[in-house]
Amino acid sequence: MDLTPGWYIIKRDSDASCEILEVPAAEPIAMLEATTENAGRRHWGPFASPQEAIAKRVGLIRAGHCAPR
């Protein structure tokens, strides 16, 4: 994953739901990428605000790309 600071939607492999995560500018992006649970996952973003990410997540659920929680 090539992540820049902002808000992201990351699809979970276990239940196909999508969660919204913030990647702060002050934290190293490699830290998020290096975790086993995030490796190879599908993601969307970055979004400028959590509201934009929420709106996109709703669209992904409606389109069948993410399962609702």
Protein backbone atom coordinates (compact mmCIF):
# COMPACT_ATOMS: atom_id res chain seq x y z
CA MET A 1 0.00 0.00 0.00
CA ASP A 2 1.29 3.43 -0.84
CA LEU A 3 -0.44 5.60 1.76
CA THR A 4 -0.13 9.34 2.22
CA PRO A 5 -1.56 11.20 5.23
CA GLY A 6 -5.35 11.43 5.27
CA TRP A 7 -8.43 9.24 5.83
CA TYR A 8 -8.62 5.79 4.23
CA ILE A 9 -11.18 3.04 3.82
CA ILE A 10 -9.58 -0.37 4.30
CA LYS A 11 -11.45 -3.59 3.51
CA ARG A 12 -11.14 -6.35 6.12
CA ASP A 13 -10.44 -9.82 4.77
CA SER A 14 -12.21 -11.60 7.62
CA ASP A 15 -15.75 -10.29 7.11
CA ALA A 16 -15.47 -8.05 4.00
CA SER A 17 -16.48 -4.98 6.01
CA CYS A 18 -14.66 -1.71 5.49
CA GLU A 19 -13.21 0.41 8.26
CA ILE A 20 -12.16 4.04 8.15
CA LEU A 21 -8.65 4.79 9.40
CA GLU A 22 -6.77 8.03 9.80
CA VAL A 23 -3.14 8.11 8.74
CA PRO A 24 -1.66 11.17 10.47
CA ALA A 25 1.04 13.19 8.74
CA ALA A 26 3.28 12.90 11.80
CA GLU A 27 3.30 9.09 11.86
CA PRO A 28 5.37 6.97 9.50
CA ILE A 29 3.26 5.44 6.76
CA ALA A 30 5.49 2.36 6.76
CA MET A 31 4.19 1.50 10.23
CA LEU A 32 0.66 0.95 8.89
CA GLU A 33 1.89 -0.87 5.80
CA ALA A 34 4.15 -3.19 7.78
CA THR A 35 1.42 -4.75 9.90
CA THR A 36 0.44 -8.20 8.73
CA GLU A 37 -3.25 -7.47 9.03
CA ASN A 38 -3.03 -4.62 6.50
CA ALA A 39 -0.76 -6.31 3.95
CA GLY A 40 -2.41 -6.84 0.58
CA ARG A 41 -5.73 -5.34 1.58
CA ARG A 42 -7.81 -3.28 -0.78
CA HIS A 43 -8.07 0.38 0.18
CA TRP A 44 -9.55 3.65 -1.03
CA GLY A 45 -8.30 7.15 -0.29
CA PRO A 46 -6.84 9.39 0.91
CA PHE A 47 -9.83 11.55 1.75
CA ALA A 48 -9.50 15.04 3.22
CA SER A 49 -12.06 14.52 5.98
CA PRO A 50 -13.80 11.70 7.82
CA GLN A 51 -17.10 12.86 6.31
CA GLU A 52 -15.78 12.27 2.79
CA ALA A 53 -14.56 8.80 3.81
CA ILE A 54 -17.94 7.96 5.35
CA ALA A 55 -19.77 9.04 2.20
CA LYS A 56 -17.45 6.89 0.05
CA ARG A 57 -17.88 3.90 2.41
CA VAL A 58 -21.68 4.18 2.07
CA GLY A 59 -21.24 4.14 -1.71
CA LEU A 60 -18.96 1.09 -1.51
CA ILE A 61 -21.53 -0.75 0.61
CA ARG A 62 -24.31 0.09 -1.85
CA ALA A 63 -22.14 -1.05 -4.77
CA GLY A 64 -21.41 -4.36 -3.03
CA HIS A 65 -17.68 -3.77 -2.51
CA CYS A 66 -18.00 -3.72 1.29
CA ALA A 67 -20.30 -5.52 3.68
CA PRO A 68 -22.20 -3.43 6.23
CA ARG A 69 -21.27 -4.05 9.84
